[in-house]
């Protein structure tokens, strides 16, 4: 279900960040 967002995920760019890391 999380991967099936489809249209609602359109129009943006993605950056992957480790939010548990202070440098993240």
PDBML (XML) file of the C-alpha atoms, coordinates in Angstrom:
<?xml version="1.0" encoding="UTF-8" ?>
<PDBx:datablock datablockName="MODEL"
   xmlns:PDBx="http://pdbml.pdb.org/schema/pdbx-v50.xsd"
   xmlns:xsi="http://www.w3.org/2001/XMLSchema-instance"
   xsi:schemaLocation="http://pdbml.pdb.org/schema/pdbx-v50.xsd pdbx-v50.xsd">
   <PDBx:atom_siteCategory>
      <PDBx:atom_site id="1">
         <PDBx:B_iso_or_equiv>0.00</PDBx:B_iso_or_equiv>
         <PDBx:Cartn_x>0.000</PDBx:Cartn_x>
         <PDBx:Cartn_y>0.000</PDBx:Cartn_y>
         <PDBx:Cartn_z>0.000</PDBx:Cartn_z>
         <PDBx:auth_asym_id>A</PDBx:auth_asym_id>
         <PDBx:auth_atom_id>CA</PDBx:auth_atom_id>
         <PDBx:auth_comp_id>UNK</PDBx:auth_comp_id>
         <PDBx:auth_seq_id>1</PDBx:auth_seq_id>
         <PDBx:group_PDB>ATOM</PDBx:group_PDB>
         <PDBx:label_alt_id xsi:nil="true" />
         <PDBx:label_asym_id>A</PDBx:label_asym_id>
         <PDBx:label_atom_id>CA</PDBx:label_atom_id>
         <PDBx:label_comp_id>UNK</PDBx:label_comp_id>
         <PDBx:label_entity_id>1</PDBx:label_entity_id>
         <PDBx:label_seq_id>1</PDBx:label_seq_id>
         <PDBx:occupancy>1.00</PDBx:occupancy>
         <PDBx:pdbx_PDB_model_num>1</PDBx:pdbx_PDB_model_num>
         <PDBx:type_symbol>C</PDBx:type_symbol>
      </PDBx:atom_site>
      <PDBx:atom_site id="2">
         <PDBx:B_iso_or_equiv>0.00</PDBx:B_iso_or_equiv>
         <PDBx:Cartn_x>2.785</PDBx:Cartn_x>
         <PDBx:Cartn_y>2.430</PDBx:Cartn_y>
         <PDBx:Cartn_z>0.880</PDBx:Cartn_z>
         <PDBx:auth_asym_id>A</PDBx:auth_asym_id>
         <PDBx:auth_atom_id>CA</PDBx:auth_atom_id>
         <PDBx:auth_comp_id>UNK</PDBx:auth_comp_id>
         <PDBx:auth_seq_id>2</PDBx:auth_seq_id>
         <PDBx:group_PDB>ATOM</PDBx:group_PDB>
         <PDBx:label_alt_id xsi:nil="true" />
         <PDBx:label_asym_id>A</PDBx:label_asym_id>
         <PDBx:label_atom_id>CA</PDBx:label_atom_id>
         <PDBx:label_comp_id>UNK</PDBx:label_comp_id>
         <PDBx:label_entity_id>1</PDBx:label_entity_id>
         <PDBx:label_seq_id>2</PDBx:label_seq_id>
         <PDBx:occupancy>1.00</PDBx:occupancy>
         <PDBx:pdbx_PDB_model_num>1</PDBx:pdbx_PDB_model_num>
         <PDBx:type_symbol>C</PDBx:type_symbol>
      </PDBx:atom_site>
      <PDBx:atom_site id="3">
         <PDBx:B_iso_or_equiv>0.00</PDBx:B_iso_or_equiv>
         <PDBx:Cartn_x>4.448</PDBx:Cartn_x>
         <PDBx:Cartn_y>1.799</PDBx:Cartn_y>
         <PDBx:Cartn_z>-2.473</PDBx:Cartn_z>
         <PDBx:auth_asym_id>A</PDBx:auth_asym_id>
         <PDBx:auth_atom_id>CA</PDBx:auth_atom_id>
         <PDBx:auth_comp_id>UNK</PDBx:auth_comp_id>
         <PDBx:auth_seq_id>3</PDBx:auth_seq_id>
         <PDBx:group_PDB>ATOM</PDBx:group_PDB>
         <PDBx:label_alt_id xsi:nil="true" />
         <PDBx:label_asym_id>A</PDBx:label_asym_id>
         <PDBx:label_atom_id>CA</PDBx:label_atom_id>
         <PDBx:label_comp_id>UNK</PDBx:label_comp_id>
         <PDBx:label_entity_id>1</PDBx:label_entity_id>
         <PDBx:label_seq_id>3</PDBx:label_seq_id>
         <PDBx:occupancy>1.00</PDBx:occupancy>
         <PDBx:pdbx_PDB_model_num>1</PDBx:pdbx_PDB_model_num>
         <PDBx:type_symbol>C</PDBx:type_symbol>
      </PDBx:atom_site>
      <PDBx:atom_site id="4">
         <PDBx:B_iso_or_equiv>0.00</PDBx:B_iso_or_equiv>
         <PDBx:Cartn_x>1.216</PDBx:Cartn_x>
         <PDBx:Cartn_y>2.273</PDBx:Cartn_y>
         <PDBx:Cartn_z>-4.433</PDBx:Cartn_z>
         <PDBx:auth_asym_id>A</PDBx:auth_asym_id>
         <PDBx:auth_atom_id>CA</PDBx:auth_atom_id>
         <PDBx:auth_comp_id>UNK</PDBx:auth_comp_id>
         <PDBx:auth_seq_id>4</PDBx:auth_seq_id>
         <PDBx:group_PDB>ATOM</PDBx:group_PDB>
         <PDBx:label_alt_id xsi:nil="true" />
         <PDBx:label_asym_id>A</PDBx:label_asym_id>
         <PDBx:label_atom_id>CA</PDBx:label_atom_id>
         <PDBx:label_comp_id>UNK</PDBx:label_comp_id>
         <PDBx:label_entity_id>1</PDBx:label_entity_id>
         <PDBx:label_seq_id>4</PDBx:label_seq_id>
         <PDBx:occupancy>1.00</PDBx:occupancy>
         <PDBx:pdbx_PDB_model_num>1</PDBx:pdbx_PDB_model_num>
         <PDBx:type_symbol>C</PDBx:type_symbol>
      </PDBx:atom_site>
      <PDBx:atom_site id="5">
         <PDBx:B_iso_or_equiv>0.00</PDBx:B_iso_or_equiv>
         <PDBx:Cartn_x>0.787</PDBx:Cartn_x>
         <PDBx:Cartn_y>6.002</PDBx:Cartn_y>
         <PDBx:Cartn_z>-3.886</PDBx:Cartn_z>
         <PDBx:auth_asym_id>A</PDBx:auth_asym_id>
         <PDBx:auth_atom_id>CA</PDBx:auth_atom_id>
         <PDBx:auth_comp_id>UNK</PDBx:auth_comp_id>
         <PDBx:auth_seq_id>5</PDBx:auth_seq_id>
         <PDBx:group_PDB>ATOM</PDBx:group_PDB>
         <PDBx:label_alt_id xsi:nil="true" />
         <PDBx:label_asym_id>A</PDBx:label_asym_id>
         <PDBx:label_atom_id>CA</PDBx:label_atom_id>
         <PDBx:label_comp_id>UNK</PDBx:label_comp_id>
         <PDBx:label_entity_id>1</PDBx:label_entity_id>
         <PDBx:label_seq_id>5</PDBx:label_seq_id>
         <PDBx:occupancy>1.00</PDBx:occupancy>
         <PDBx:pdbx_PDB_model_num>1</PDBx:pdbx_PDB_model_num>
         <PDBx:type_symbol>C</PDBx:type_symbol>
      </PDBx:atom_site>
      <PDBx:atom_site id="6">
         <PDBx:B_iso_or_equiv>0.00</PDBx:B_iso_or_equiv>
         <PDBx:Cartn_x>1.245</PDBx:Cartn_x>
         <PDBx:Cartn_y>6.633</PDBx:Cartn_y>
         <PDBx:Cartn_z>-7.584</PDBx:Cartn_z>
         <PDBx:auth_asym_id>A</PDBx:auth_asym_id>
         <PDBx:auth_atom_id>CA</PDBx:auth_atom_id>
         <PDBx:auth_comp_id>UNK</PDBx:auth_comp_id>
         <PDBx:auth_seq_id>6</PDBx:auth_seq_id>
         <PDBx:group_PDB>ATOM</PDBx:group_PDB>
         <PDBx:label_alt_id xsi:nil="true" />
         <PDBx:label_asym_id>A</PDBx:label_asym_id>
         <PDBx:label_atom_id>CA</PDBx:label_atom_id>
         <PDBx:label_comp_id>UNK</PDBx:label_comp_id>
         <PDBx:label_entity_id>1</PDBx:label_entity_id>
         <PDBx:label_seq_id>6</PDBx:label_seq_id>
         <PDBx:occupancy>1.00</PDBx:occupancy>
         <PDBx:pdbx_PDB_model_num>1</PDBx:pdbx_PDB_model_num>
         <PDBx:type_symbol>C</PDBx:type_symbol>
      </PDBx:atom_site>
      <PDBx:atom_site id="7">
         <PDBx:B_iso_or_equiv>0.00</PDBx:B_iso_or_equiv>
         <PDBx:Cartn_x>-0.181</PDBx:Cartn_x>
         <PDBx:Cartn_y>10.018</PDBx:Cartn_y>
         <PDBx:Cartn_z>-8.550</PDBx:Cartn_z>
         <PDBx:auth_asym_id>A</PDBx:auth_asym_id>
         <PDBx:auth_atom_id>CA</PDBx:auth_atom_id>
         <PDBx:auth_comp_id>UNK</PDBx:auth_comp_id>
         <PDBx:auth_seq_id>7</PDBx:auth_seq_id>
         <PDBx:group_PDB>ATOM</PDBx:group_PDB>
         <PDBx:label_alt_id xsi:nil="true" />
         <PDBx:label_asym_id>A</PDBx:label_asym_id>
         <PDBx:label_atom_id>CA</PDBx:label_atom_id>
         <PDBx:label_comp_id>UNK</PDBx:label_comp_id>
         <PDBx:label_entity_id>1</PDBx:label_entity_id>
         <PDBx:label_seq_id>7</PDBx:label_seq_id>
         <PDBx:occupancy>1.00</PDBx:occupancy>
         <PDBx:pdbx_PDB_model_num>1</PDBx:pdbx_PDB_model_num>
         <PDBx:type_symbol>C</PDBx:type_symbol>
      </PDBx:atom_site>
      <PDBx:atom_site id="8">
         <PDBx:B_iso_or_equiv>0.00</PDBx:B_iso_or_equiv>
         <PDBx:Cartn_x>0.002</PDBx:Cartn_x>
         <PDBx:Cartn_y>11.467</PDBx:Cartn_y>
         <PDBx:Cartn_z>-5.040</PDBx:Cartn_z>
         <PDBx:auth_asym_id>A</PDBx:auth_asym_id>
         <PDBx:auth_atom_id>CA</PDBx:auth_atom_id>
         <PDBx:auth_comp_id>UNK</PDBx:auth_comp_id>
         <PDBx:auth_seq_id>8</PDBx:auth_seq_id>
         <PDBx:group_PDB>ATOM</PDBx:group_PDB>
         <PDBx:label_alt_id xsi:nil="true" />
         <PDBx:label_asym_id>A</PDBx:label_asym_id>
         <PDBx:label_atom_id>CA</PDBx:label_atom_id>
         <PDBx:label_comp_id>UNK</PDBx:label_comp_id>
         <PDBx:label_entity_id>1</PDBx:label_entity_id>
         <PDBx:label_seq_id>8</PDBx:label_seq_id>
         <PDBx:occupancy>1.00</PDBx:occupancy>
         <PDBx:pdbx_PDB_model_num>1</PDBx:pdbx_PDB_model_num>
         <PDBx:type_symbol>C</PDBx:type_symbol>
      </PDBx:atom_site>
      <PDBx:atom_site id="9">
         <PDBx:B_iso_or_equiv>0.00</PDBx:B_iso_or_equiv>
         <PDBx:Cartn_x>3.790</PDBx:Cartn_x>
         <PDBx:Cartn_y>11.036</PDBx:Cartn_y>
         <PDBx:Cartn_z>-5.179</PDBx:Cartn_z>
         <PDBx:auth_asym_id>A</PDBx:auth_asym_id>
         <PDBx:auth_atom_id>CA</PDBx:auth_atom_id>
         <PDBx:auth_comp_id>UNK</PDBx:auth_comp_id>
         <PDBx:auth_seq_id>9</PDBx:auth_seq_id>
         <PDBx:group_PDB>ATOM</PDBx:group_PDB>
         <PDBx:label_alt_id xsi:nil="true" />
         <PDBx:label_asym_id>A</PDBx:label_asym_id>
         <PDBx:label_atom_id>CA</PDBx:label_atom_id>
         <PDBx:label_comp_id>UNK</PDBx:label_comp_id>
         <PDBx:label_entity_id>1</PDBx:label_entity_id>
         <PDBx:label_seq_id>9</PDBx:label_seq_id>
         <PDBx:occupancy>1.00</PDBx:occupancy>
         <PDBx:pdbx_PDB_model_num>1</PDBx:pdbx_PDB_model_num>
         <PDBx:type_symbol>C</PDBx:type_symbol>
      </PDBx:atom_site>
      <PDBx:atom_site id="10">
         <PDBx:B_iso_or_equiv>0.00</PDBx:B_iso_or_equiv>
         <PDBx:Cartn_x>4.213</PDBx:Cartn_x>
         <PDBx:Cartn_y>12.809</PDBx:Cartn_y>
         <PDBx:Cartn_z>-8.508</PDBx:Cartn_z>
         <PDBx:auth_asym_id>A</PDBx:auth_asym_id>
         <PDBx:auth_atom_id>CA</PDBx:auth_atom_id>
         <PDBx:auth_comp_id>UNK</PDBx:auth_comp_id>
         <PDBx:auth_seq_id>10</PDBx:auth_seq_id>
         <PDBx:group_PDB>ATOM</PDBx:group_PDB>
         <PDBx:label_alt_id xsi:nil="true" />
         <PDBx:label_asym_id>A</PDBx:label_asym_id>
         <PDBx:label_atom_id>CA</PDBx:label_atom_id>
         <PDBx:label_comp_id>UNK</PDBx:label_comp_id>
         <PDBx:label_entity_id>1</PDBx:label_entity_id>
         <PDBx:label_seq_id>10</PDBx:label_seq_id>
         <PDBx:occupancy>1.00</PDBx:occupancy>
         <PDBx:pdbx_PDB_model_num>1</PDBx:pdbx_PDB_model_num>
         <PDBx:type_symbol>C</PDBx:type_symbol>
      </PDBx:atom_site>
      <PDBx:atom_site id="11">
         <PDBx:B_iso_or_equiv>0.00</PDBx:B_iso_or_equiv>
         <PDBx:Cartn_x>5.967</PDBx:Cartn_x>
         <PDBx:Cartn_y>16.104</PDBx:Cartn_y>
         <PDBx:Cartn_z>-9.089</PDBx:Cartn_z>
         <PDBx:auth_asym_id>A</PDBx:auth_asym_id>
         <PDBx:auth_atom_id>CA</PDBx:auth_atom_id>
         <PDBx:auth_comp_id>UNK</PDBx:auth_comp_id>
         <PDBx:auth_seq_id>11</PDBx:auth_seq_id>
         <PDBx:group_PDB>ATOM</PDBx:group_PDB>
         <PDBx:label_alt_id xsi:nil="true" />
         <PDBx:label_asym_id>A</PDBx:label_asym_id>
         <PDBx:label_atom_id>CA</PDBx:label_atom_id>
         <PDBx:label_comp_id>UNK</PDBx:label_comp_id>
         <PDBx:label_entity_id>1</PDBx:label_entity_id>
         <PDBx:label_seq_id>11</PDBx:label_seq_id>
         <PDBx:occupancy>1.00</PDBx:occupancy>
         <PDBx:pdbx_PDB_model_num>1</PDBx:pdbx_PDB_model_num>
         <PDBx:type_symbol>C</PDBx:type_symbol>
      </PDBx:atom_site>
      <PDBx:atom_site id="12">
         <PDBx:B_iso_or_equiv>0.00</PDBx:B_iso_or_equiv>
         <PDBx:Cartn_x>8.803</PDBx:Cartn_x>
         <PDBx:Cartn_y>15.914</PDBx:Cartn_y>
         <PDBx:Cartn_z>-6.580</PDBx:Cartn_z>
         <PDBx:auth_asym_id>A</PDBx:auth_asym_id>
         <PDBx:auth_atom_id>CA</PDBx:auth_atom_id>
         <PDBx:auth_comp_id>UNK</PDBx:auth_comp_id>
         <PDBx:auth_seq_id>12</PDBx:auth_seq_id>
         <PDBx:group_PDB>ATOM</PDBx:group_PDB>
         <PDBx:label_alt_id xsi:nil="true" />
         <PDBx:label_asym_id>A</PDBx:label_asym_id>
         <PDBx:label_atom_id>CA</PDBx:label_atom_id>
         <PDBx:label_comp_id>UNK</PDBx:label_comp_id>
         <PDBx:label_entity_id>1</PDBx:label_entity_id>
         <PDBx:label_seq_id>12</PDBx:label_seq_id>
         <PDBx:occupancy>1.00</PDBx:occupancy>
         <PDBx:pdbx_PDB_model_num>1</PDBx:pdbx_PDB_model_num>
         <PDBx:type_symbol>C</PDBx:type_symbol>
      </PDBx:atom_site>
      <PDBx:atom_site id="13">
         <PDBx:B_iso_or_equiv>0.00</PDBx:B_iso_or_equiv>
         <PDBx:Cartn_x>12.438</PDBx:Cartn_x>
         <PDBx:Cartn_y>14.876</PDBx:Cartn_y>
         <PDBx:Cartn_z>-6.308</PDBx:Cartn_z>
         <PDBx:auth_asym_id>A</PDBx:auth_asym_id>
         <PDBx:auth_atom_id>CA</PDBx:auth_atom_id>
         <PDBx:auth_comp_id>UNK</PDBx:auth_comp_id>
         <PDBx:auth_seq_id>13</PDBx:auth_seq_id>
         <PDBx:group_PDB>ATOM</PDBx:group_PDB>
         <PDBx:label_alt_id xsi:nil="true" />
         <PDBx:label_asym_id>A</PDBx:label_asym_id>
         <PDBx:label_atom_id>CA</PDBx:label_atom_id>
         <PDBx:label_comp_id>UNK</PDBx:label_comp_id>
         <PDBx:label_entity_id>1</PDBx:label_entity_id>
         <PDBx:label_seq_id>13</PDBx:label_seq_id>
         <PDBx:occupancy>1.00</PDBx:occupancy>
         <PDBx:pdbx_PDB_model_num>1</PDBx:pdbx_PDB_model_num>
         <PDBx:type_symbol>C</PDBx:type_symbol>
      </PDBx:atom_site>
      <PDBx:atom_site id="14">
         <PDBx:B_iso_or_equiv>0.00</PDBx:B_iso_or_equiv>
         <PDBx:Cartn_x>13.674</PDBx:Cartn_x>
         <PDBx:Cartn_y>12.491</PDBx:Cartn_y>
         <PDBx:Cartn_z>-3.630</PDBx:Cartn_z>
         <PDBx:auth_asym_id>A</PDBx:auth_asym_id>
         <PDBx:auth_atom_id>CA</PDBx:auth_atom_id>
         <PDBx:auth_comp_id>UNK</PDBx:auth_comp_id>
         <PDBx:auth_seq_id>14</PDBx:auth_seq_id>
         <PDBx:group_PDB>ATOM</PDBx:group_PDB>
         <PDBx:label_alt_id xsi:nil="true" />
         <PDBx:label_asym_id>A</PDBx:label_asym_id>
         <PDBx:label_atom_id>CA</PDBx:label_atom_id>
         <PDBx:label_comp_id>UNK</PDBx:label_comp_id>
         <PDBx:label_entity_id>1</PDBx:label_entity_id>
         <PDBx:label_seq_id>14</PDBx:label_seq_id>
         <PDBx:occupancy>1.00</PDBx:occupancy>
         <PDBx:pdbx_PDB_model_num>1</PDBx:pdbx_PDB_model_num>
         <PDBx:type_symbol>C</PDBx:type_symbol>
      </PDBx:atom_site>
      <PDBx:atom_site id="15">
         <PDBx:B_iso_or_equiv>0.00</PDBx:B_iso_or_equiv>
         <PDBx:Cartn_x>16.692</PDBx:Cartn_x>
         <PDBx:Cartn_y>12.601</PDBx:Cartn_y>
         <PDBx:Cartn_z>-1.361</PDBx:Cartn_z>
         <PDBx:auth_asym_id>A</PDBx:auth_asym_id>
         <PDBx:auth_atom_id>CA</PDBx:auth_atom_id>
         <PDBx:auth_comp_id>UNK</PDBx:auth_comp_id>
         <PDBx:auth_seq_id>15</PDBx:auth_seq_id>
         <PDBx:group_PDB>ATOM</PDBx:group_PDB>
         <PDBx:label_alt_id xsi:nil="true" />
         <PDBx:label_asym_id>A</PDBx:label_asym_id>
         <PDBx:label_atom_id>CA</PDBx:label_atom_id>
         <PDBx:label_comp_id>UNK</PDBx:label_comp_id>
         <PDBx:label_entity_id>1</PDBx:label_entity_id>
         <PDBx:label_seq_id>15</PDBx:label_seq_id>
         <PDBx:occupancy>1.00</PDBx:occupancy>
         <PDBx:pdbx_PDB_model_num>1</PDBx:pdbx_PDB_model_num>
         <PDBx:type_symbol>C</PDBx:type_symbol>
      </PDBx:atom_site>
      <PDBx:atom_site id="16">
         <PDBx:B_iso_or_equiv>0.00</PDBx:B_iso_or_equiv>
         <PDBx:Cartn_x>17.338</PDBx:Cartn_x>
         <PDBx:Cartn_y>9.686</PDBx:Cartn_y>
         <PDBx:Cartn_z>1.019</PDBx:Cartn_z>
         <PDBx:auth_asym_id>A</PDBx:auth_asym_id>
         <PDBx:auth_atom_id>CA</PDBx:auth_atom_id>
         <PDBx:auth_comp_id>UNK</PDBx:auth_comp_id>
         <PDBx:auth_seq_id>16</PDBx:auth_seq_id>
         <PDBx:group_PDB>ATOM</PDBx:group_PDB>
         <PDBx:label_alt_id xsi:nil="true" />
         <PDBx:label_asym_id>A</PDBx:label_asym_id>
         <PDBx:label_atom_id>CA</PDBx:label_atom_id>
         <PDBx:label_comp_id>UNK</PDBx:label_comp_id>
         <PDBx:label_entity_id>1</PDBx:label_entity_id>
         <PDBx:label_seq_id>16</PDBx:label_seq_id>
         <PDBx:occupancy>1.00</PDBx:occupancy>
         <PDBx:pdbx_PDB_model_num>1</PDBx:pdbx_PDB_model_num>
         <PDBx:type_symbol>C</PDBx:type_symbol>
      </PDBx:atom_site>
      <PDBx:atom_site id="17">
         <PDBx:B_iso_or_equiv>0.00</PDBx:B_iso_or_equiv>
         <PDBx:Cartn_x>18.700</PDBx:Cartn_x>
         <PDBx:Cartn_y>10.723</PDBx:Cartn_y>
         <PDBx:Cartn_z>4.416</PDBx:Cartn_z>
         <PDBx:auth_asym_id>A</PDBx:auth_asym_id>
         <PDBx:auth_atom_id>CA</PDBx:auth_atom_id>
         <PDBx:auth_comp_id>UNK</PDBx:auth_comp_id>
         <PDBx:auth_seq_id>17</PDBx:auth_seq_id>
         <PDBx:group_PDB>ATOM</PDBx:group_PDB>
         <PDBx:label_alt_id xsi:nil="true" />
         <PDBx:label_asym_id>A</PDBx:label_asym_id>
         <PDBx:label_atom_id>CA</PDBx:label_atom_id>
         <PDBx:label_comp_id>UNK</PDBx:label_comp_id>
         <PDBx:label_entity_id>1</PDBx:label_entity_id>
         <PDBx:label_seq_id>17</PDBx:label_seq_id>
         <PDBx:occupancy>1.00</PDBx:occupancy>
         <PDBx:pdbx_PDB_model_num>1</PDBx:pdbx_PDB_model_num>
         <PDBx:type_symbol>C</PDBx:type_symbol>
      </PDBx:atom_site>
      <PDBx:atom_site id="18">
         <PDBx:B_iso_or_equiv>0.00</PDBx:B_iso_or_equiv>
         <PDBx:Cartn_x>19.372</PDBx:Cartn_x>
         <PDBx:Cartn_y>8.845</PDBx:Cartn_y>
         <PDBx:Cartn_z>7.650</PDBx:Cartn_z>
         <PDBx:auth_asym_id>A</PDBx:auth_asym_id>
         <PDBx:auth_atom_id>CA</PDBx:auth_atom_id>
         <PDBx:auth_comp_id>UNK</PDBx:auth_comp_id>
         <PDBx:auth_seq_id>18</PDBx:auth_seq_id>
         <PDBx:group_PDB>ATOM</PDBx:group_PDB>
         <PDBx:label_alt_id xsi:nil="true" />
         <PDBx:label_asym_id>A</PDBx:label_asym_id>
         <PDBx:label_atom_id>CA</PDBx:label_atom_id>
         <PDBx:label_comp_id>UNK</PDBx:label_comp_id>
         <PDBx:label_entity_id>1</PDBx:label_entity_id>
         <PDBx:label_seq_id>18</PDBx:label_seq_id>
         <PDBx:occupancy>1.00</PDBx:occupancy>
         <PDBx:pdbx_PDB_model_num>1</PDBx:pdbx_PDB_model_num>
         <PDBx:type_symbol>C</PDBx:type_symbol>
      </PDBx:atom_site>
      <PDBx:atom_site id="19">
         <PDBx:B_iso_or_equiv>0.00</PDBx:B_iso_or_equiv>
         <PDBx:Cartn_x>17.297</PDBx:Cartn_x>
         <PDBx:Cartn_y>10.916</PDBx:Cartn_y>
         <PDBx:Cartn_z>10.066</PDBx:Cartn_z>
         <PDBx:auth_asym_id>A</PDBx:auth_asym_id>
         <PDBx:auth_atom_id>CA</PDBx:auth_atom_id>
         <PDBx:auth_comp_id>UNK</PDBx:auth_comp_id>
         <PDBx:auth_seq_id>19</PDBx:auth_seq_id>
         <PDBx:group_PDB>ATOM</PDBx:group_PDB>
         <PDBx:label_alt_id xsi:nil="true" />
         <PDBx:label_asym_id>A</PDBx:label_asym_id>
         <PDBx:label_atom_id>CA</PDBx:label_atom_id>
         <PDBx:label_comp_id>UNK</PDBx:label_comp_id>
         <PDBx:label_entity_id>1</PDBx:label_entity_id>
         <PDBx:label_seq_id>19</PDBx:label_seq_id>
         <PDBx:occupancy>1.00</PDBx:occupancy>
         <PDBx:pdbx_PDB_model_num>1</PDBx:pdbx_PDB_model_num>
         <PDBx:type_symbol>C</PDBx:type_symbol>
      </PDBx:atom_site>
      <PDBx:atom_site id="20">
         <PDBx:B_iso_or_equiv>0.00</PDBx:B_iso_or_equiv>
         <PDBx:Cartn_x>18.710</PDBx:Cartn_x>
         <PDBx:Cartn_y>8.998</PDBx:Cartn_y>
         <PDBx:Cartn_z>13.051</PDBx:Cartn_z>
         <PDBx:auth_asym_id>A</PDBx:auth_asym_id>
         <PDBx:auth_atom_id>CA</PDBx:auth_atom_id>
         <PDBx:auth_comp_id>UNK</PDBx:auth_comp_id>
         <PDBx:auth_seq_id>20</PDBx:auth_seq_id>
         <PDBx:group_PDB>ATOM</PDBx:group_PDB>
         <PDBx:label_alt_id xsi:nil="true" />
         <PDBx:label_asym_id>A</PDBx:label_asym_id>
         <PDBx:label_atom_id>CA</PDBx:label_atom_id>
         <PDBx:label_comp_id>UNK</PDBx:label_comp_id>
         <PDBx:label_entity_id>1</PDBx:label_entity_id>
         <PDBx:label_seq_id>20</PDBx:label_seq_id>
         <PDBx:occupancy>1.00</PDBx:occupancy>
         <PDBx:pdbx_PDB_model_num>1</PDBx:pdbx_PDB_model_num>
         <PDBx:type_symbol>C</PDBx:type_symbol>
      </PDBx:atom_site>
      <PDBx:atom_site id="21">
         <PDBx:B_iso_or_equiv>0.00</PDBx:B_iso_or_equiv>
         <PDBx:Cartn_x>22.151</PDBx:Cartn_x>
         <PDBx:Cartn_y>10.407</PDBx:Cartn_y>
         <PDBx:Cartn_z>12.305</PDBx:Cartn_z>
         <PDBx:auth_asym_id>A</PDBx:auth_asym_id>
         <PDBx:auth_atom_id>CA</PDBx:auth_atom_id>
         <PDBx:auth_comp_id>UNK</PDBx:auth_comp_id>
         <PDBx:auth_seq_id>21</PDBx:auth_seq_id>
         <PDBx:group_PDB>ATOM</PDBx:group_PDB>
         <PDBx:label_alt_id xsi:nil="true" />
         <PDBx:label_asym_id>A</PDBx:label_asym_id>
         <PDBx:label_atom_id>CA</PDBx:label_atom_id>
         <PDBx:label_comp_id>UNK</PDBx:label_comp_id>
         <PDBx:label_entity_id>1</PDBx:label_entity_id>
         <PDBx:label_seq_id>21</PDBx:label_seq_id>
         <PDBx:occupancy>1.00</PDBx:occupancy>
         <PDBx:pdbx_PDB_model_num>1</PDBx:pdbx_PDB_model_num>
         <PDBx:type_symbol>C</PDBx:type_symbol>
      </PDBx:atom_site>
      <PDBx:atom_site id="22">
         <PDBx:B_iso_or_equiv>0.00</PDBx:B_iso_or_equiv>
         <PDBx:Cartn_x>22.859</PDBx:Cartn_x>
         <PDBx:Cartn_y>13.946</PDBx:Cartn_y>
         <PDBx:Cartn_z>13.609</PDBx:Cartn_z>
         <PDBx:auth_asym_id>A</PDBx:auth_asym_id>
         <PDBx:auth_atom_id>CA</PDBx:auth_atom_id>
         <PDBx:auth_comp_id>UNK</PDBx:auth_comp_id>
         <PDBx:auth_seq_id>22</PDBx:auth_seq_id>
         <PDBx:group_PDB>ATOM</PDBx:group_PDB>
         <PDBx:label_alt_id xsi:nil="true" />
         <PDBx:label_asym_id>A</PDBx:label_asym_id>
         <PDBx:label_atom_id>CA</PDBx:label_atom_id>
         <PDBx:label_comp_id>UNK</PDBx:label_comp_id>
         <PDBx:label_entity_id>1</PDBx:label_entity_id>
         <PDBx:label_seq_id>22</PDBx:label_seq_id>
         <PDBx:occupancy>1.00</PDBx:occupancy>
         <PDBx:pdbx_PDB_model_num>1</PDBx:pdbx_PDB_model_num>
         <PDBx:type_symbol>C</PDBx:type_symbol>
      </PDBx:atom_site>
      <PDBx:atom_site id="23">
         <PDBx:B_iso_or_equiv>0.00</PDBx:B_iso_or_equiv>
         <PDBx:Cartn_x>24.609</PDBx:Cartn_x>
         <PDBx:Cartn_y>14.759</PDBx:Cartn_y>
         <PDBx:Cartn_z>10.343</PDBx:Cartn_z>
         <PDBx:auth_asym_id>A</PDBx:auth_asym_id>
         <PDBx:auth_atom_id>CA</PDBx:auth_atom_id>
         <PDBx:auth_comp_id>UNK</PDBx:auth_comp_id>
         <PDBx:auth_seq_id>23</PDBx:auth_seq_id>
         <PDBx:group_PDB>ATOM</PDBx:group_PDB>
         <PDBx:label_alt_id xsi:nil="true" />
         <PDBx:label_asym_id>A</PDBx:label_asym_id>
         <PDBx:label_atom_id>CA</PDBx:label_atom_id>
         <PDBx:label_comp_id>UNK</PDBx:label_comp_id>
         <PDBx:label_entity_id>1</PDBx:label_entity_id>
         <PDBx:label_seq_id>23</PDBx:label_seq_id>
         <PDBx:occupancy>1.00</PDBx:occupancy>
         <PDBx:pdbx_PDB_model_num>1</PDBx:pdbx_PDB_model_num>
         <PDBx:type_symbol>C</PDBx:type_symbol>
      </PDBx:atom_site>
      <PDBx:atom_site id="24">
         <PDBx:B_iso_or_equiv>0.00</PDBx:B_iso_or_equiv>
         <PDBx:Cartn_x>21.486</PDBx:Cartn_x>
         <PDBx:Cartn_y>13.661</PDBx:Cartn_y>
         <PDBx:Cartn_z>8.529</PDBx:Cartn_z>
         <PDBx:auth_asym_id>A</PDBx:auth_asym_id>
         <PDBx:auth_atom_id>CA</PDBx:auth_atom_id>
         <PDBx:auth_comp_id>UNK</PDBx:auth_comp_id>
         <PDBx:auth_seq_id>24</PDBx:auth_seq_id>
         <PDBx:group_PDB>ATOM</PDBx:group_PDB>
         <PDBx:label_alt_id xsi:nil="true" />
         <PDBx:label_asym_id>A</PDBx:label_asym_id>
         <PDBx:label_atom_id>CA</PDBx:label_atom_id>
         <PDBx:label_comp_id>UNK</PDBx:label_comp_id>
         <PDBx:label_entity_id>1</PDBx:label_entity_id>
         <PDBx:label_seq_id>24</PDBx:label_seq_id>
         <PDBx:occupancy>1.00</PDBx:occupancy>
         <PDBx:pdbx_PDB_model_num>1</PDBx:pdbx_PDB_model_num>
         <PDBx:type_symbol>C</PDBx:type_symbol>
      </PDBx:atom_site>
   </PDBx:atom_siteCategory>
</PDBx:datablock>
